[in-house]
Amino acid sequence: MLSVACIPAFNAENQISDVIKKSLNYVDKVLVCDDGSTDNTFENAKLTGAYVLKHEKNLGKGAALKTLFTKAKELNADIIITIDADGQFLPVEMVRLIEPIQNNNFDLVIGNRFLDKKEMPSYRKAGNKILDSFTKLAADLPFEDTQSGFRSYSKTALEKISFSSNGFGVDSEILIDAVNKNLKITEKYVTVIYNTGEKTSTKNPISHSVGVLASIIELIAINHPLRYLGIPGLIFLVIGIAYSIIAITLFNDTRYFSIPSTLLALGSLVIGLMLLLMSVVLYSISHQSRRNI
């Protein structure tokens, strides 16, 4: 059974070698995707024994995972484990994520970081809580940690899962796609080291969270267009019709033309119609794509 660790990396020259060395104790191969790094990430990863794929420019975590997943398929991997390059996760705990796939036929195992919430910085805790809540709106997800990048996948999951996001929203998209395809998913608690002595993020936390949130909102609209676009559209239409009646009645009775009521009526009608049309189009697209699965 071929096990492969997949590491998306960007400017991680100080941490990547240690992550690879430790990972090779628990998997057969290590794949690294150097996502347009400007430091020595590529050289250090290659010298440490990893098979390194390189993007000429920084495309994002999702793009790096696509490249890694494609190569893992070419290698005919039976199990892959994704782990971040920043050293926050412990490779020794790969065993904990592999075991449910080997012994219990799970397809995807999430490394749950929330065993000891006291250790998590408050800004991360708040950000993850918001992102988890929005991700659960996109699909019925009974999982505590939807944003963890430390995961294991079976060969079945590797073949069935598809995603289009190039950014950090990929973790949510993969999980939603796995749920929609009825893959067997579980969680295992893992250790996280928040103070590694090195900078663990190459992106501003606020812009990172906003980017992920935007991707999740897009997924919500695609997965449940009638609920989150259609119903608000109907509400706006009702409001528009009500204010149209008020404006017309007022004009008939008093010959007074109410500009605020008219503008509110027209605005609500336009927004309502747009939301309804979008919901119908997105529902047709998502329904057709699910039929093709």
Protein backbone atom coordinates (compact mmCIF):
# COMPACT_ATOMS: atom_id res chain seq x y z
CA MET A 1 0.00 0.00 0.00
CA LEU A 2 1.71 3.16 -1.25
CA SER A 3 1.42 6.14 1.10
CA VAL A 4 2.40 9.62 -0.08
CA ALA A 5 2.71 12.88 1.85
CA CYS A 6 1.73 15.95 -0.18
CA ILE A 7 3.13 19.30 0.95
CA PRO A 8 2.11 22.60 -0.67
CA ALA A 9 4.92 25.06 0.06
CA PHE A 10 5.56 28.76 -0.42
CA ASN A 11 8.69 30.45 0.95
CA ALA A 12 9.20 27.73 3.56
CA GLU A 13 12.97 27.25 3.27
CA ASN A 14 13.52 27.20 7.04
CA GLN A 15 10.87 24.61 7.88
CA ILE A 16 10.49 22.39 4.81
CA SER A 17 13.51 20.13 5.37
CA ASP A 18 12.47 19.17 8.89
CA VAL A 19 8.88 18.44 7.80
CA ILE A 20 10.11 16.21 4.94
CA LYS A 21 12.64 14.31 7.06
CA LYS A 22 10.09 13.51 9.73
CA SER A 23 7.38 12.65 7.19
CA LEU A 24 9.60 10.08 5.46
CA ASN A 25 9.51 8.03 8.68
CA TYR A 26 5.77 7.42 8.22
CA VAL A 27 5.09 7.45 4.45
CA ASP A 28 6.73 5.89 1.41
CA LYS A 29 7.16 9.10 -0.59
CA VAL A 30 6.98 12.83 -0.06
CA LEU A 31 5.75 15.16 -2.80
CA VAL A 32 6.30 18.90 -2.48
CA CYS A 33 4.78 21.57 -4.69
CA ASP A 34 6.90 24.71 -4.55
CA ASP A 35 4.23 27.28 -5.35
CA GLY A 36 6.41 30.02 -6.83
CA SER A 37 8.73 30.49 -3.85
CA THR A 38 11.36 33.21 -4.03
CA ASP A 39 13.66 31.59 -1.46
CA ASN A 40 15.42 28.19 -1.33
CA THR A 41 12.31 26.08 -0.72
CA PHE A 42 12.78 24.10 -3.95
CA GLU A 43 16.47 23.35 -3.35
CA ASN A 44 16.03 22.45 0.32
CA ALA A 45 13.09 20.15 -0.39
CA LYS A 46 14.95 18.35 -3.17
CA LEU A 47 18.10 17.89 -1.08
CA THR A 48 16.05 16.39 1.75
CA GLY A 49 14.65 13.60 -0.44
CA ALA A 50 11.30 14.86 -1.65
CA TYR A 51 10.04 14.74 -5.22
CA VAL A 52 9.55 18.44 -5.94
CA LEU A 53 7.12 19.97 -8.42
CA LYS A 54 7.43 23.68 -9.12
CA HIS A 55 5.09 26.49 -10.14
CA GLU A 56 6.95 29.36 -11.77
CA LYS A 57 4.72 31.86 -9.98
CA ASN A 58 2.61 31.78 -6.84
CA LEU A 59 -0.83 30.42 -7.77
CA GLY A 60 -2.26 29.58 -4.36
CA LYS A 61 -2.75 26.57 -2.09
CA GLY A 62 -5.57 25.15 -4.20
CA ALA A 63 -3.44 25.19 -7.33
CA ALA A 64 -0.58 23.49 -5.43
CA LEU A 65 -2.94 20.76 -4.20
CA LYS A 66 -4.20 20.16 -7.75
CA THR A 67 -0.62 19.61 -8.90
CA LEU A 68 0.11 17.31 -5.95
CA PHE A 69 -3.10 15.29 -6.36
CA THR A 70 -2.43 14.82 -10.07
CA LYS A 71 1.07 13.49 -9.38
CA ALA A 72 -0.21 11.23 -6.59
CA LYS A 73 -2.69 9.71 -9.04
CA GLU A 74 0.13 9.11 -11.53
CA LEU A 75 2.05 7.29 -8.79
CA ASN A 76 -1.09 5.19 -8.08
CA ALA A 77 -1.00 6.18 -4.41
CA ASP A 78 -3.29 4.25 -2.06
CA ILE A 79 -3.25 6.87 0.71
CA ILE A 80 -2.15 10.50 0.60
CA ILE A 81 -1.65 12.81 3.55
CA THR A 82 -1.66 16.57 3.09
CA ILE A 83 0.40 18.51 5.60
CA ASP A 84 1.44 22.17 5.73
CA ALA A 85 5.05 23.16 5.19
CA ASP A 86 5.23 25.53 8.16
CA GLY A 87 5.96 22.89 10.80
CA GLN A 88 2.82 23.48 12.85
CA PHE A 89 1.66 19.87 12.44
CA LEU A 90 3.59 16.84 13.71
CA PRO A 91 4.39 14.23 11.02
CA VAL A 92 4.42 11.54 13.72
CA GLU A 93 0.64 11.97 13.90
CA MET A 94 0.25 10.90 10.27
CA VAL A 95 -0.20 7.41 11.68
CA ARG A 96 -3.32 8.65 13.48
CA LEU A 97 -4.80 9.86 10.18
CA ILE A 98 -3.82 6.80 8.16
CA GLU A 99 -5.26 4.21 10.55
CA PRO A 100 -9.00 4.93 9.91
CA ILE A 101 -8.45 4.48 6.17
CA GLN A 102 -6.48 1.26 6.54
CA ASN A 103 -8.64 -0.38 9.21
CA ASN A 104 -12.10 1.16 8.91
CA ASN A 105 -12.41 2.01 5.22
CA PHE A 106 -12.79 5.76 5.70
CA ASP A 107 -12.14 7.91 2.64
CA LEU A 108 -11.12 11.18 4.29
CA VAL A 109 -9.75 11.86 7.77
CA ILE A 110 -9.54 15.43 9.06
CA GLY A 111 -6.86 16.40 11.55
CA ASN A 112 -8.95 18.25 14.15
CA ARG A 113 -6.93 21.07 15.76
CA PHE A 114 -9.45 21.91 18.48
CA LEU A 115 -8.60 19.37 21.18
CA ASP A 116 -6.91 22.10 23.23
CA LYS A 117 -8.60 25.36 22.27
CA LYS A 118 -6.71 27.25 24.97
CA GLU A 119 -3.53 26.94 22.92
CA MET A 120 -5.07 28.52 19.82
CA PRO A 121 -4.49 32.30 19.50
CA SER A 122 -7.73 34.24 19.97
CA TYR A 123 -7.70 35.75 16.48
CA ARG A 124 -7.30 32.30 14.93
CA LYS A 125 -10.06 30.90 17.13
CA ALA A 126 -12.47 33.65 16.07
CA GLY A 127 -11.52 33.39 12.40
CA ASN A 128 -11.85 29.61 12.29
CA LYS A 129 -15.20 29.73 14.07
CA ILE A 130 -16.57 32.14 11.44
CA LEU A 131 -15.19 30.12 8.52
CA ASP A 132 -16.46 26.84 10.02
CA SER A 133 -19.94 28.33 10.45
CA PHE A 134 -20.10 29.53 6.85
CA THR A 135 -18.72 26.24 5.51
CA LYS A 136 -21.48 24.36 7.35
CA LEU A 137 -24.05 26.53 5.56
CA ALA A 138 -22.78 25.22 2.23
CA ALA A 139 -23.28 21.56 3.19
CA ASP A 140 -24.49 19.52 6.14
CA LEU A 141 -21.11 19.10 7.80
CA PRO A 142 -21.04 17.59 11.31
CA PHE A 143 -17.31 18.29 11.65
CA GLU A 144 -15.62 20.49 14.24
CA ASP A 145 -12.67 21.62 12.12
CA THR A 146 -13.45 22.29 8.46
CA GLN A 147 -10.34 24.38 7.76
CA SER A 148 -7.58 21.98 8.77
CA GLY A 149 -5.01 21.27 6.05
CA PHE A 150 -3.71 18.15 7.83
CA ARG A 151 -5.79 15.37 6.25
CA SER A 152 -5.56 11.89 4.78
CA TYR A 153 -7.34 10.62 1.67
CA SER A 154 -8.03 7.13 0.34
CA LYS A 155 -7.50 6.18 -3.29
CA THR A 156 -11.28 6.38 -3.79
CA ALA A 157 -11.33 9.94 -2.43
CA LEU A 158 -8.40 10.90 -4.63
CA GLU A 159 -10.24 9.66 -7.70
CA LYS A 160 -13.64 11.15 -6.87
CA ILE A 161 -12.89 14.54 -5.34
CA SER A 162 -12.74 17.51 -7.68
CA PHE A 163 -12.23 21.19 -6.91
CA SER A 164 -11.65 24.43 -8.79
CA SER A 165 -10.45 26.89 -6.14
CA ASN A 166 -6.83 28.00 -6.41
CA GLY A 167 -6.74 29.77 -3.05
CA PHE A 168 -7.15 28.85 0.61
CA GLY A 169 -10.86 28.20 0.13
CA VAL A 170 -9.85 24.83 -1.28
CA ASP A 171 -10.07 23.09 2.14
CA SER A 172 -13.77 23.94 2.39
CA GLU A 173 -14.45 23.07 -1.26
CA ILE A 174 -12.81 19.65 -0.97
CA LEU A 175 -14.79 18.81 2.16
CA ILE A 176 -18.10 19.93 0.63
CA ASP A 177 -17.41 17.95 -2.54
CA ALA A 178 -16.53 14.86 -0.48
CA VAL A 179 -19.82 15.14 1.45
CA ASN A 180 -21.83 15.63 -1.75
CA LYS A 181 -20.23 12.47 -3.16
CA ASN A 182 -21.10 10.46 -0.04
CA LEU A 183 -17.52 9.70 0.92
CA LYS A 184 -16.93 8.31 4.39
CA ILE A 185 -15.36 11.02 6.57
CA THR A 186 -14.14 11.21 10.15
CA GLU A 187 -11.96 13.40 12.39
CA LYS A 188 -8.97 12.68 14.61
CA TYR A 189 -7.53 15.13 17.09
CA VAL A 190 -4.03 16.36 16.23
CA THR A 191 -1.46 18.56 17.91
CA VAL A 192 -0.74 22.05 16.59
CA ILE A 193 2.35 24.10 17.43
CA TYR A 194 1.44 27.75 17.03
CA ASN A 195 4.81 29.10 18.10
CA THR A 196 7.36 27.36 15.89
CA GLY A 197 9.92 30.14 16.10
CA GLU A 198 9.30 30.98 12.46
CA LYS A 199 6.70 32.97 10.58
CA THR A 200 3.96 30.42 9.85
CA SER A 201 1.87 32.46 7.44
CA THR A 202 2.87 34.17 4.21
CA LYS A 203 -0.38 36.11 4.04
CA ASN A 204 -2.04 38.74 6.21
CA PRO A 205 -4.59 36.97 8.50
CA ILE A 206 -7.37 39.40 7.56
CA SER A 207 -6.87 39.15 3.80
CA HIS A 208 -6.49 35.38 4.17
CA SER A 209 -9.80 35.09 6.05
CA VAL A 210 -11.61 37.41 3.64
CA GLY A 211 -10.36 35.38 0.67
CA VAL A 212 -11.48 32.09 2.21
CA LEU A 213 -14.83 33.59 3.23
CA ALA A 214 -15.46 34.84 -0.32
CA SER A 215 -14.78 31.33 -1.67
CA ILE A 216 -17.11 29.77 0.90
CA ILE A 217 -19.92 32.23 0.12
CA GLU A 218 -19.55 31.28 -3.55
CA LEU A 219 -19.86 27.61 -2.59
CA ILE A 220 -22.94 28.36 -0.48
CA ALA A 221 -24.61 30.06 -3.45
CA ILE A 222 -23.76 27.15 -5.75
CA ASN A 223 -24.79 24.37 -3.35
CA HIS A 224 -27.99 25.94 -1.99
CA PRO A 225 -29.09 28.63 -4.46
CA LEU A 226 -32.82 28.30 -3.81
CA ARG A 227 -32.40 28.62 -0.04
CA TYR A 228 -29.90 31.48 0.07
CA LEU A 229 -30.78 33.35 -3.12
CA GLY A 230 -34.30 32.26 -4.08
CA ILE A 231 -35.98 32.88 -0.73
CA PRO A 232 -34.40 36.35 -0.26
CA GLY A 233 -35.39 37.06 -3.87
CA LEU A 234 -39.02 36.24 -3.09
CA ILE A 235 -38.91 38.44 0.01
CA PHE A 236 -37.59 41.38 -2.01
CA LEU A 237 -40.31 40.79 -4.62
CA VAL A 238 -43.03 40.84 -1.96
CA ILE A 239 -41.59 44.06 -0.52
CA GLY A 240 -41.42 45.56 -4.02
CA ILE A 241 -45.01 44.62 -4.81
CA ALA A 242 -46.22 45.97 -1.45
CA TYR A 243 -44.54 49.33 -1.92
CA SER A 244 -45.75 49.47 -5.52
CA ILE A 245 -49.33 49.09 -4.26
CA ILE A 246 -48.71 51.76 -1.61
CA ALA A 247 -47.28 54.19 -4.17
CA ILE A 248 -50.08 53.60 -6.69
CA THR A 249 -52.84 53.82 -4.05
CA LEU A 250 -51.36 57.02 -2.64
CA PHE A 251 -51.22 58.57 -6.12
CA ASN A 252 -54.79 57.56 -6.95
CA ASP A 253 -56.15 58.96 -3.69
CA THR A 254 -54.12 62.17 -3.38
CA ARG A 255 -52.38 62.67 -6.73
CA TYR A 256 -49.17 62.79 -4.70
CA PHE A 257 -46.27 60.93 -6.30
CA SER A 258 -44.12 59.43 -3.52
CA ILE A 259 -40.54 59.22 -4.79
CA PRO A 260 -39.19 57.24 -1.74
CA SER A 261 -41.92 54.59 -2.04
CA THR A 262 -41.44 54.33 -5.80
CA LEU A 263 -37.66 54.00 -5.54
CA LEU A 264 -38.00 51.40 -2.78
CA ALA A 265 -40.55 49.48 -4.88
CA LEU A 266 -38.40 49.52 -8.03
CA GLY A 267 -35.20 48.66 -6.15
CA SER A 268 -36.80 45.74 -4.32
CA LEU A 269 -38.38 44.41 -7.53
CA VAL A 270 -35.09 44.58 -9.46
CA ILE A 271 -33.06 42.95 -6.65
CA GLY A 272 -35.74 40.29 -6.14
CA LEU A 273 -35.87 39.39 -9.84
CA MET A 274 -32.06 39.26 -10.08
CA LEU A 275 -31.77 36.98 -7.05
CA LEU A 276 -34.51 34.68 -8.35
CA LEU A 277 -32.93 34.44 -11.79
CA MET A 278 -29.50 33.74 -10.25
CA SER A 279 -30.97 31.06 -7.97
CA VAL A 280 -32.66 29.29 -10.89
CA VAL A 281 -29.52 29.39 -13.05
CA LEU A 282 -27.24 28.17 -10.23
CA TYR A 283 -29.73 25.46 -9.25
CA SER A 284 -29.81 24.20 -12.85
CA ILE A 285 -26.00 24.15 -13.01
CA SER A 286 -25.53 22.39 -9.65
CA HIS A 287 -28.33 19.93 -10.35
CA GLN A 288 -26.84 19.03 -13.73
CA SER A 289 -23.34 18.62 -12.30
CA ARG A 290 -24.63 16.28 -9.58
CA ARG A 291 -26.43 14.19 -12.20
CA ASN A 292 -23.11 13.80 -14.02
CA ILE A 293 -21.28 12.53 -10.91
